[in-house]
């Protein structure tokens, strides 16, 4: 049992160490009027001119966000890199900096093509984007069990799991000035699903008493990907097949359809203050299939129900076989269609223009993503300046679910040419391989042609 828990802990940590990207609409550009893609965060925000994006490079957002980083997993012992499971790393040192429920996300957002123009008594944008999102969750208890070994204690191993989505997005946005103070906007999105995956441990408890063990697990995995099947193996002892891998015969790029809307508003109170509010990605994707693996409800093993003696191996065999039921999932096949959300986001902002120098603006915004166990929130304070019409820059600091961040943007916008480079999080200390130790990093780049 100790071997199995240790192996599970190593596998989970390996998954987290490989995860690395978590993107959204650029937060550092929210208060920069030269940033052409503010409509992605708030559809009420239009532009002063039309534009066409460079195909594939109009707005590329790549970032990492997490509550656990490489510095929580890898250590240096006698000049060599090792994992936290190394016996030279004490349990207090390994577990001291970890949260009860650690997580890290994977997400990419790339604007393949975008066109913005004035018309229909407002501003309009048509865009095609590729998006993907994934997150992995790891309870601290599973690391504690892997690190400390079996002791007389109770371990709650729930909240171990992950989720992932990949889809294409075709969006049509319109923003409209209602009066001198209020501007509203909406975006209608058609979503084309590529693939989806969800793995969740609903219940996982181990009670290790002085003279008895009790374990219970309820877990399931759902995969929605064209031509995807589970690979299975056969357990000679229990006479049953169980999932031990996955197989994709031939990749199919389309596996579902859905829709979403973005809603936003901007209210100008006076020349000094402007307030904004938006709700984005309010929608879903219906996937064509749901290939499921499950424990078939709650599975339990309890040594109190068994009598062990050296002359009879039946109880030992039954305990061993029952133990395998805790982690061997049945292939339940394709359960038909499945509906999932894509992670709705709320953004609220307040901007103050300095009366003595209107080109300098200060902003405060809150971004909250609603995504079940992988929801997060963040507050960001910004300072943006536009000394001349063709150049703007900004810096900002943020604090939230993923800790403290420092970001910024540089934006050059001239007739026929727009280039911006930005980051919502400048990395701190880097590993020798130049990976951020705290798992937080963001890069945003765009090349567009205003007209």
Foldseek 3Di string as FASTA:
>chain_A
DLVVLLVVVVVQVVVQQPAFWDWAPDPQCCPPLLLQVNCRQFLQRHHPFKWKFDFFFAKWKTWKFWLAFQLLFWDADPNDIDGCLPPVRDLCNNLVSHDQKIKIKHKIKTWRIKIWHDDPQWIKMKTKMKMKMKMFIFGSQSVSCSRVPDDQAKGWGFPGWMKMWIKMKIKMKTKHDPDPFKIKIKMKIKIFTAKIKIKGWPTWMWGHHPPKIKIKTWIKMKIFFPQKAFDWDADPLVRDIFGDGIDRPDGDRGFWIKIWMKIKMKGDPDLFKIKMKIKGQHMKIKGFWIWMWILPGMQMAMCVVADDDPVDCPRVSVNVVSVVSRPTTDGPGIPGIDMDGDWMKMKIKMKGADPVHRQKMKMWMKMWTDDPPPTWIKIKIKIKGDPDPQWIKMKMWMQIPRGIFIKMKIWGHDAQWIKMKIWRHDADDADPVRQGRSSTTMIMIRIMTTD
